[in-house]
Amino acid sequence: MIYLPPYPPELNSIKRLWLYIKQKHPA
């Protein structure tokens, strides 16, 4: 799992999308 540093609140949707993609396409 890649460590993601603290991110601004507006990037929450991007992080959620990232996690969704990782679940669909596990490394």
N, C-alpha and C. Protein backbone atom coordinates (compact mmCIF):
# COMPACT_ATOMS: atom_id res chain seq x y z
N MET A 1 0.85 -1.19 0.00
CA MET A 1 0.00 0.00 0.00
C MET A 1 0.89 1.24 0.00
N ILE A 2 0.62 2.13 -0.94
CA ILE A 2 1.39 3.36 -1.02
C ILE A 2 0.92 4.32 0.07
N TYR A 3 1.89 4.88 0.81
CA TYR A 3 1.54 5.82 1.86
C TYR A 3 1.19 7.17 1.25
N LEU A 4 0.01 7.69 1.62
CA LEU A 4 -0.40 8.99 1.12
C LEU A 4 -0.28 10.01 2.23
N PRO A 5 0.48 11.08 2.02
CA PRO A 5 0.63 12.13 3.02
C PRO A 5 -0.70 12.85 3.24
N PRO A 6 -0.80 13.62 4.32
CA PRO A 6 -2.03 14.39 4.58
C PRO A 6 -2.43 15.20 3.35
N TYR A 7 -3.72 15.19 3.04
CA TYR A 7 -4.20 15.86 1.84
C TYR A 7 -5.30 16.85 2.20
N PRO A 8 -5.47 17.89 1.39
CA PRO A 8 -6.52 18.88 1.62
C PRO A 8 -7.91 18.23 1.52
N PRO A 9 -8.90 18.74 2.24
CA PRO A 9 -10.25 18.18 2.23
C PRO A 9 -10.82 18.04 0.82
N GLU A 10 -10.49 18.97 -0.07
CA GLU A 10 -11.06 18.91 -1.43
C GLU A 10 -10.55 17.71 -2.22
N LEU A 11 -9.48 17.08 -1.72
CA LEU A 11 -8.93 15.92 -2.42
C LEU A 11 -9.51 14.62 -1.88
N ASN A 12 -10.46 14.72 -0.94
CA ASN A 12 -11.03 13.52 -0.35
C ASN A 12 -11.68 12.63 -1.41
N SER A 13 -12.38 13.24 -2.37
CA SER A 13 -13.04 12.47 -3.41
C SER A 13 -12.02 11.73 -4.27
N ILE A 14 -10.85 12.37 -4.48
CA ILE A 14 -9.80 11.73 -5.27
C ILE A 14 -9.26 10.51 -4.53
N LYS A 15 -9.07 10.66 -3.22
CA LYS A 15 -8.56 9.55 -2.41
C LYS A 15 -9.56 8.40 -2.42
N ARG A 16 -10.85 8.73 -2.30
CA ARG A 16 -11.89 7.70 -2.31
C ARG A 16 -11.88 6.98 -3.65
N LEU A 17 -11.71 7.73 -4.75
CA LEU A 17 -11.66 7.14 -6.08
C LEU A 17 -10.44 6.24 -6.20
N TRP A 18 -9.30 6.70 -5.65
CA TRP A 18 -8.07 5.92 -5.67
C TRP A 18 -8.28 4.58 -4.97
N LEU A 19 -8.88 4.63 -3.77
CA LEU A 19 -9.11 3.41 -3.00
C LEU A 19 -10.06 2.48 -3.75
N TYR A 20 -11.07 3.06 -4.43
CA TYR A 20 -12.03 2.27 -5.20
C TYR A 20 -11.32 1.54 -6.34
N ILE A 21 -10.44 2.25 -7.04
CA ILE A 21 -9.70 1.65 -8.15
C ILE A 21 -8.79 0.54 -7.63
N LYS A 22 -8.12 0.79 -6.49
CA LYS A 22 -7.22 -0.21 -5.92
C LYS A 22 -7.98 -1.47 -5.54
N GLN A 23 -9.22 -1.33 -5.10
CA GLN A 23 -10.03 -2.49 -4.74
C GLN A 23 -10.43 -3.26 -6.00
N LYS A 24 -10.72 -2.54 -7.07
CA LYS A 24 -11.12 -3.17 -8.32
C LYS A 24 -9.92 -3.80 -9.03
N HIS A 25 -8.75 -3.17 -8.88
CA HIS A 25 -7.54 -3.65 -9.54
C HIS A 25 -6.39 -3.72 -8.54
N PRO A 26 -6.43 -4.72 -7.64
CA PRO A 26 -5.38 -4.85 -6.63
C PRO A 26 -4.02 -5.05 -7.27
N ALA A 27 -3.00 -4.47 -6.70
CA ALA A 27 -1.64 -4.57 -7.24
C ALA A 27 -1.11 -6.00 -7.07
